[in-house]
PDB file of all heavy atoms in Angstrom:
ATOM      1  N   GLY A   1      37.581  46.586 -20.323  1.00  0.00           N
ATOM      2  CA  GLY A   1      36.460  46.059 -19.491  1.00  0.00           C
ATOM      3  C   GLY A   1      36.644  46.508 -18.034  1.00  0.00           C
ATOM      4  O   GLY A   1      37.642  47.012 -17.674  1.00  0.00           O
ATOM      5  N   ALA A   2      35.661  46.115 -17.203  1.00  0.00           N
ATOM      6  CA  ALA A   2      35.622  46.488 -15.764  1.00  0.00           C
ATOM      7  C   ALA A   2      36.873  45.625 -15.235  1.00  0.00           C
ATOM      8  O   ALA A   2      37.322  44.604 -15.588  1.00  0.00           O
ATOM      9  CB  ALA A   2      34.417  46.208 -15.150  1.00  0.00           C
ATOM     10  N   SER A   3      37.498  46.283 -14.182  1.00  0.00           N
ATOM     11  CA  SER A   3      38.615  45.773 -13.646  1.00  0.00           C
ATOM     12  C   SER A   3      38.332  44.691 -12.524  1.00  0.00           C
ATOM     13  O   SER A   3      37.699  45.015 -11.625  1.00  0.00           O
ATOM     14  CB  SER A   3      39.509  46.875 -12.951  1.00  0.00           C
ATOM     15  OG  SER A   3      40.650  46.323 -12.333  1.00  0.00           O
ATOM     16  N   PRO A   4      39.081  43.604 -12.459  1.00  0.00           N
ATOM     17  CA  PRO A   4      39.012  42.586 -11.413  1.00  0.00           C
ATOM     18  C   PRO A   4      39.940  42.808 -10.394  1.00  0.00           C
ATOM     19  O   PRO A   4      39.989  42.082  -9.327  1.00  0.00           O
ATOM     20  CB  PRO A   4      39.434  41.221 -12.210  1.00  0.00           C
ATOM     21  CG  PRO A   4      40.456  41.690 -13.104  1.00  0.00           C
ATOM     22  CD  PRO A   4      40.134  43.153 -13.456  1.00  0.00           C
ATOM     23  N   GLU A   5      40.826  43.876 -10.307  1.00  0.00           N
ATOM     24  CA  GLU A   5      41.861  43.942  -9.360  1.00  0.00           C
ATOM     25  C   GLU A   5      41.403  44.266  -7.990  1.00  0.00           C
ATOM     26  O   GLU A   5      40.311  44.739  -7.686  1.00  0.00           O
ATOM     27  CB  GLU A   5      42.662  45.341  -9.814  1.00  0.00           C
ATOM     28  CG  GLU A   5      43.330  45.255 -11.180  1.00  0.00           C
ATOM     29  CD  GLU A   5      43.881  46.567 -11.617  1.00  0.00           C
ATOM     30  OE1 GLU A   5      43.065  47.173 -12.198  1.00  0.00           O
ATOM     31  OE2 GLU A   5      45.198  46.808 -11.427  1.00  0.00           O
ATOM     32  N   ASN A   6      42.090  43.730  -7.030  1.00  0.00           N
ATOM     33  CA  ASN A   6      41.980  44.033  -5.647  1.00  0.00           C
ATOM     34  C   ASN A   6      42.981  45.173  -5.238  1.00  0.00           C
ATOM     35  O   ASN A   6      44.086  44.747  -4.791  1.00  0.00           O
ATOM     36  CB  ASN A   6      42.149  42.803  -4.713  1.00  0.00           C
ATOM     37  CG  ASN A   6      41.943  43.092  -3.374  1.00  0.00           C
ATOM     38  OD1 ASN A   6      41.485  44.155  -2.902  1.00  0.00           O
ATOM     39  ND2 ASN A   6      42.139  42.036  -2.414  1.00  0.00           N
ATOM     40  N   CYS A   7      42.594  46.274  -5.502  1.00  0.00           N
ATOM     41  CA  CYS A   7      43.731  47.424  -5.228  1.00  0.00           C
ATOM     42  C   CYS A   7      44.148  47.515  -3.713  1.00  0.00           C
ATOM     43  O   CYS A   7      45.280  48.060  -3.568  1.00  0.00           O
ATOM     44  CB  CYS A   7      43.314  48.809  -5.819  1.00  0.00           C
ATOM     45  SG  CYS A   7      42.095  49.481  -4.734  1.00  0.00           S
ATOM     46  N   ALA A   8      43.410  47.035  -2.683  1.00  0.00           N
ATOM     47  CA  ALA A   8      43.735  47.100  -1.448  1.00  0.00           C
ATOM     48  C   ALA A   8      45.083  46.216  -1.200  1.00  0.00           C
ATOM     49  O   ALA A   8      45.876  46.479  -0.348  1.00  0.00           O
ATOM     50  CB  ALA A   8      42.616  46.646  -0.561  1.00  0.00           C
ATOM     51  N   ALA A   9      45.107  45.074  -2.060  1.00  0.00           N
ATOM     52  CA  ALA A   9      46.237  44.316  -1.897  1.00  0.00           C
ATOM     53  C   ALA A   9      47.522  44.882  -2.388  1.00  0.00           C
ATOM     54  O   ALA A   9      48.760  44.399  -1.963  1.00  0.00           O
ATOM     55  CB  ALA A   9      46.048  42.888  -2.682  1.00  0.00           C
ATOM     56  N   TYR A  10      47.489  45.902  -3.327  1.00  0.00           N
ATOM     57  CA  TYR A  10      48.657  46.608  -3.680  1.00  0.00           C
ATOM     58  C   TYR A  10      49.337  47.343  -2.634  1.00  0.00           C
ATOM     59  O   TYR A  10      50.499  47.423  -2.631  1.00  0.00           O
ATOM     60  CB  TYR A  10      48.333  47.468  -4.939  1.00  0.00           C
ATOM     61  CG  TYR A  10      47.820  46.807  -6.041  1.00  0.00           C
ATOM     62  CD1 TYR A  10      46.886  47.595  -6.992  1.00  0.00           C
ATOM     63  CD2 TYR A  10      48.118  45.577  -6.477  1.00  0.00           C
ATOM     64  CE1 TYR A  10      46.442  47.045  -8.086  1.00  0.00           C
ATOM     65  CE2 TYR A  10      47.559  44.947  -7.586  1.00  0.00           C
ATOM     66  CZ  TYR A  10      46.826  45.783  -8.445  1.00  0.00           C
ATOM     67  OH  TYR A  10      46.359  45.159  -9.611  1.00  0.00           O
ATOM     68  N   GLY A  11      48.541  47.896  -1.621  1.00  0.00           N
ATOM     69  CA  GLY A  11      48.996  48.662  -0.679  1.00  0.00           C
ATOM     70  C   GLY A  11      49.640  50.008  -1.108  1.00  0.00           C
ATOM     71  O   GLY A  11      49.586  50.351  -2.405  1.00  0.00           O
ATOM     72  N   PRO A  12      50.023  50.889  -0.284  1.00  0.00           N
ATOM     73  CA  PRO A  12      50.682  52.114  -0.778  1.00  0.00           C
ATOM     74  C   PRO A  12      52.042  52.026  -1.469  1.00  0.00           C
ATOM     75  O   PRO A  12      52.699  50.973  -1.264  1.00  0.00           O
ATOM     76  CB  PRO A  12      50.828  52.963   0.595  1.00  0.00           C
ATOM     77  CG  PRO A  12      51.042  51.939   1.599  1.00  0.00           C
ATOM     78  CD  PRO A  12      50.142  50.773   1.178  1.00  0.00           C
ATOM     79  N   GLY A  13      52.311  52.989  -2.304  1.00  0.00           N
ATOM     80  CA  GLY A  13      53.543  53.014  -3.012  1.00  0.00           C
ATOM     81  C   GLY A  13      53.358  53.111  -4.501  1.00  0.00           C
ATOM     82  O   GLY A  13      52.256  52.999  -5.111  1.00  0.00           O
ATOM     83  N   PHE A  14      54.375  53.568  -5.203  1.00  0.00           N
ATOM     84  CA  PHE A  14      54.382  53.882  -6.616  1.00  0.00           C
ATOM     85  C   PHE A  14      53.351  54.961  -6.968  1.00  0.00           C
ATOM     86  O   PHE A  14      53.808  56.168  -7.164  1.00  0.00           O
ATOM     87  CB  PHE A  14      54.131  52.650  -7.517  1.00  0.00           C
ATOM     88  CG  PHE A  14      54.125  52.927  -8.918  1.00  0.00           C
ATOM     89  CD1 PHE A  14      55.352  53.560  -9.469  1.00  0.00           C
ATOM     90  CD2 PHE A  14      53.206  52.801  -9.819  1.00  0.00           C
ATOM     91  CE1 PHE A  14      55.403  53.894 -10.902  1.00  0.00           C
ATOM     92  CE2 PHE A  14      53.141  53.080 -11.148  1.00  0.00           C
ATOM     93  CZ  PHE A  14      54.364  53.694 -11.690  1.00  0.00           C
ATOM     94  N   ASP A  15      52.053  54.718  -7.278  1.00  0.00           N
ATOM     95  CA  ASP A  15      51.106  55.777  -7.424  1.00  0.00           C
ATOM     96  C   ASP A  15      49.924  55.763  -6.440  1.00  0.00           C
ATOM     97  O   ASP A  15      48.957  56.431  -6.715  1.00  0.00           O
ATOM     98  CB  ASP A  15      50.526  55.537  -8.981  1.00  0.00           C
ATOM     99  CG  ASP A  15      50.022  54.173  -9.117  1.00  0.00           C
ATOM    100  OD1 ASP A  15      49.811  53.356  -8.184  1.00  0.00           O
ATOM    101  OD2 ASP A  15      49.633  53.866 -10.337  1.00  0.00           O
ATOM    102  N   ARG A  16      50.184  55.244  -5.290  1.00  0.00           N
ATOM    103  CA  ARG A  16      49.197  55.108  -4.293  1.00  0.00           C
ATOM    104  C   ARG A  16      49.668  55.632  -2.913  1.00  0.00           C
ATOM    105  O   ARG A  16      50.564  55.129  -2.304  1.00  0.00           O
ATOM    106  CB  ARG A  16      48.753  53.609  -4.115  1.00  0.00           C
ATOM    107  CG  ARG A  16      48.278  53.026  -5.471  1.00  0.00           C
ATOM    108  CD  ARG A  16      48.121  51.412  -5.236  1.00  0.00           C
ATOM    109  NE  ARG A  16      49.485  50.879  -4.839  1.00  0.00           N
ATOM    110  CZ  ARG A  16      50.443  50.532  -5.741  1.00  0.00           C
ATOM    111  NH1 ARG A  16      50.297  50.792  -7.019  1.00  0.00           N
ATOM    112  NH2 ARG A  16      51.417  49.899  -5.265  1.00  0.00           N
ATOM    113  N   PRO A  17      49.034  56.792  -2.429  1.00  0.00           N
ATOM    114  CA  PRO A  17      49.488  57.275  -1.202  1.00  0.00           C
ATOM    115  C   PRO A  17      49.080  56.611  -0.020  1.00  0.00           C
ATOM    116  O   PRO A  17      48.318  55.566   0.044  1.00  0.00           O
ATOM    117  CB  PRO A  17      48.664  58.654  -1.196  1.00  0.00           C
ATOM    118  CG  PRO A  17      47.434  58.396  -1.989  1.00  0.00           C
ATOM    119  CD  PRO A  17      47.893  57.439  -2.994  1.00  0.00           C
ATOM    120  N   ASN A  18      49.649  56.903   1.061  1.00  0.00           N
ATOM    121  CA  ASN A  18      49.187  56.154   2.362  1.00  0.00           C
ATOM    122  C   ASN A  18      48.620  57.237   3.338  1.00  0.00           C
ATOM    123  O   ASN A  18      48.259  56.666   4.502  1.00  0.00           O
ATOM    124  CB  ASN A  18      50.428  55.495   3.143  1.00  0.00           C
ATOM    125  CG  ASN A  18      51.519  56.488   3.622  1.00  0.00           C
ATOM    126  OD1 ASN A  18      51.478  57.640   3.387  1.00  0.00           O
ATOM    127  ND2 ASN A  18      52.461  55.816   4.309  1.00  0.00           N
ATOM    128  N   GLU A  19      48.561  58.501   3.081  1.00  0.00           N
ATOM    129  CA  GLU A  19      47.713  59.450   3.940  1.00  0.00           C
ATOM    130  C   GLU A  19      47.291  60.573   3.016  1.00  0.00           C
ATOM    131  O   GLU A  19      47.851  60.751   1.963  1.00  0.00           O
ATOM    132  CB  GLU A  19      48.515  59.820   5.079  1.00  0.00           C
ATOM    133  CG  GLU A  19      49.851  60.573   4.711  1.00  0.00           C
ATOM    134  CD  GLU A  19      50.478  61.061   5.990  1.00  0.00           C
ATOM    135  OE1 GLU A  19      50.737  60.154   6.880  1.00  0.00           O
ATOM    136  OE2 GLU A  19      50.766  62.260   6.184  1.00  0.00           O
ATOM    137  N   THR A  20      46.305  61.225   3.478  1.00  0.00           N
ATOM    138  CA  THR A  20      45.797  62.377   2.816  1.00  0.00           C
ATOM    139  C   THR A  20      46.683  63.672   2.969  1.00  0.00           C
ATOM    140  O   THR A  20      47.629  63.509   3.819  1.00  0.00           O
ATOM    141  CB  THR A  20      44.354  62.663   3.146  1.00  0.00           C
ATOM    142  OG1 THR A  20      44.323  63.095   4.655  1.00  0.00           O
ATOM    143  CG2 THR A  20      43.378  61.527   2.944  1.00  0.00           C
ATOM    144  N   ARG A  21      46.351  64.679   2.338  1.00  0.00           N
ATOM    145  CA  ARG A  21      47.202  65.864   2.412  1.00  0.00           C
ATOM    146  C   ARG A  21      47.184  66.380   3.770  1.00  0.00           C
ATOM    147  O   ARG A  21      48.134  66.837   4.419  1.00  0.00           O
ATOM    148  CB  ARG A  21      46.656  66.904   1.541  1.00  0.00           C
ATOM    149  CG  ARG A  21      47.406  68.161   1.453  1.00  0.00           C
ATOM    150  CD  ARG A  21      46.776  69.353   0.619  1.00  0.00           C
ATOM    151  NE  ARG A  21      46.624  68.912  -0.734  1.00  0.00           N
ATOM    152  CZ  ARG A  21      47.541  69.269  -1.642  1.00  0.00           C
ATOM    153  NH1 ARG A  21      48.551  70.003  -1.343  1.00  0.00           N
ATOM    154  NH2 ARG A  21      47.348  68.945  -2.860  1.00  0.00           N
ATOM    155  N   ASP A  22      46.117  66.253   4.568  1.00  0.00           N
ATOM    156  CA  ASP A  22      45.892  66.700   5.887  1.00  0.00           C
ATOM    157  C   ASP A  22      46.180  65.681   7.035  1.00  0.00           C
ATOM    158  O   ASP A  22      45.898  65.826   8.181  1.00  0.00           O
ATOM    159  CB  ASP A  22      44.578  67.271   6.208  1.00  0.00           C
ATOM    160  CG  ASP A  22      43.395  66.204   5.960  1.00  0.00           C
ATOM    161  OD1 ASP A  22      43.670  65.032   5.651  1.00  0.00           O
ATOM    162  OD2 ASP A  22      42.172  66.596   6.011  1.00  0.00           O
ATOM    163  N   GLY A  23      46.899  64.515   6.462  1.00  0.00           N
ATOM    164  CA  GLY A  23      47.377  63.644   7.487  1.00  0.00           C
ATOM    165  C   GLY A  23      46.571  62.425   7.837  1.00  0.00           C
ATOM    166  O   GLY A  23      47.009  61.638   8.785  1.00  0.00           O
ATOM    167  N   ARG A  24      45.343  62.299   7.336  1.00  0.00           N
ATOM    168  CA  ARG A  24      44.480  61.116   7.658  1.00  0.00           C
ATOM    169  C   ARG A  24      45.119  59.906   6.996  1.00  0.00           C
ATOM    170  O   ARG A  24      45.421  59.950   5.760  1.00  0.00           O
ATOM    171  CB  ARG A  24      43.139  61.368   7.334  1.00  0.00           C
ATOM    172  CG  ARG A  24      42.292  62.447   8.009  1.00  0.00           C
ATOM    173  CD  ARG A  24      40.974  62.779   7.412  1.00  0.00           C
ATOM    174  NE  ARG A  24      41.178  63.507   6.167  1.00  0.00           N
ATOM    175  CZ  ARG A  24      40.387  63.451   5.122  1.00  0.00           C
ATOM    176  NH1 ARG A  24      39.414  62.672   5.141  1.00  0.00           N
ATOM    177  NH2 ARG A  24      40.627  64.165   3.933  1.00  0.00           N
ATOM    178  N   LYS A  25      45.119  58.758   7.680  1.00  0.00           N
ATOM    179  CA  LYS A  25      45.703  57.572   7.127  1.00  0.00           C
ATOM    180  C   LYS A  25      44.648  56.941   6.114  1.00  0.00           C
ATOM    181  O   LYS A  25      43.434  57.139   6.286  1.00  0.00           O
ATOM    182  CB  LYS A  25      45.877  56.569   8.186  1.00  0.00           C
ATOM    183  CG  LYS A  25      46.992  56.955   9.242  1.00  0.00           C
ATOM    184  CD  LYS A  25      48.377  56.989   8.549  1.00  0.00           C
ATOM    185  CE  LYS A  25      49.495  57.482   9.563  1.00  0.00           C
ATOM    186  NZ  LYS A  25      50.748  57.665   8.846  1.00  0.00           N
ATOM    187  N   ILE A  26      45.270  56.477   4.984  1.00  0.00           N
ATOM    188  CA  ILE A  26      44.462  55.745   4.025  1.00  0.00           C
ATOM    189  C   ILE A  26      44.381  54.312   4.187  1.00  0.00           C
ATOM    190  O   ILE A  26      45.500  53.746   4.479  1.00  0.00           O
ATOM    191  CB  ILE A  26      44.982  56.033   2.670  1.00  0.00           C
ATOM    192  CG1 ILE A  26      44.841  57.590   2.248  1.00  0.00           C
ATOM    193  CG2 ILE A  26      44.206  55.267   1.565  1.00  0.00           C
ATOM    194  CD1 ILE A  26      45.452  58.095   1.094  1.00  0.00           C
ATOM    195  N   VAL A  27      43.239  53.705   4.380  1.00  0.00           N
ATOM    196  CA  VAL A  27      43.076  52.354   4.553  1.00  0.00           C
ATOM    197  C   VAL A  27      43.071  51.495   3.316  1.00  0.00           C
ATOM    198  O   VAL A  27      42.353  51.661   2.434  1.00  0.00           O
ATOM    199  CB  VAL A  27      41.695  52.018   5.516  1.00  0.00           C
ATOM    200  CG1 VAL A  27      41.576  50.642   5.684  1.00  0.00           C
ATOM    201  CG2 VAL A  27      41.750  52.960   6.666  1.00  0.00           C
ATOM    202  N   TYR A  28      43.894  50.558   3.411  1.00  0.00           N
ATOM    203  CA  TYR A  28      43.902  49.412   2.269  1.00  0.00           C
ATOM    204  C   TYR A  28      43.414  48.161   3.032  1.00  0.00           C
ATOM    205  O   TYR A  28      44.138  47.445   3.638  1.00  0.00           O
ATOM    206  CB  TYR A  28      45.374  49.281   1.820  1.00  0.00           C
ATOM    207  CG  TYR A  28      45.823  50.320   0.974  1.00  0.00           C
ATOM    208  CD1 TYR A  28      46.424  51.483   1.617  1.00  0.00           C
ATOM    209  CD2 TYR A  28      45.803  50.398  -0.370  1.00  0.00           C
ATOM    210  CE1 TYR A  28      46.944  52.582   0.818  1.00  0.00           C
ATOM    211  CE2 TYR A  28      46.257  51.343  -1.179  1.00  0.00           C
ATOM    212  CZ  TYR A  28      46.734  52.550  -0.590  1.00  0.00           C
ATOM    213  OH  TYR A  28      47.288  53.551  -1.337  1.00  0.00           O
ATOM    214  N   ASP A  29      42.125  48.058   2.902  1.00  0.00           N
ATOM    215  CA  ASP A  29      41.360  47.037   3.835  1.00  0.00           C
ATOM    216  C   ASP A  29      41.081  45.777   3.050  1.00  0.00           C
ATOM    217  O   ASP A  29      40.227  45.652   2.241  1.00  0.00           O
ATOM    218  CB  ASP A  29      39.963  47.797   4.117  1.00  0.00           C
ATOM    219  CG  ASP A  29      39.018  46.894   4.883  1.00  0.00           C
ATOM    220  OD1 ASP A  29      39.645  45.912   5.530  1.00  0.00           O
ATOM    221  OD2 ASP A  29      37.901  47.075   4.987  1.00  0.00           O
ATOM    222  N   LEU A  30      41.868  44.766   3.559  1.00  0.00           N
ATOM    223  CA  LEU A  30      41.817  43.316   2.862  1.00  0.00           C
ATOM    224  C   LEU A  30      40.639  42.563   3.565  1.00  0.00           C
ATOM    225  O   LEU A  30      40.260  41.550   3.015  1.00  0.00           O
ATOM    226  CB  LEU A  30      43.003  42.729   2.965  1.00  0.00           C
ATOM    227  CG  LEU A  30      44.164  43.245   2.189  1.00  0.00           C
ATOM    228  CD1 LEU A  30      45.499  42.674   2.490  1.00  0.00           C
ATOM    229  CD2 LEU A  30      43.897  43.106   0.740  1.00  0.00           C
TER     230      LEU A  30
END
């Protein structure tokens, strides 16, 4: 079923980057 997760709360790490290939920051916006 559809996911209830708040993936922003996970933050970067494991399988989630913190910036793009060209260096732009990825926002985990709570």
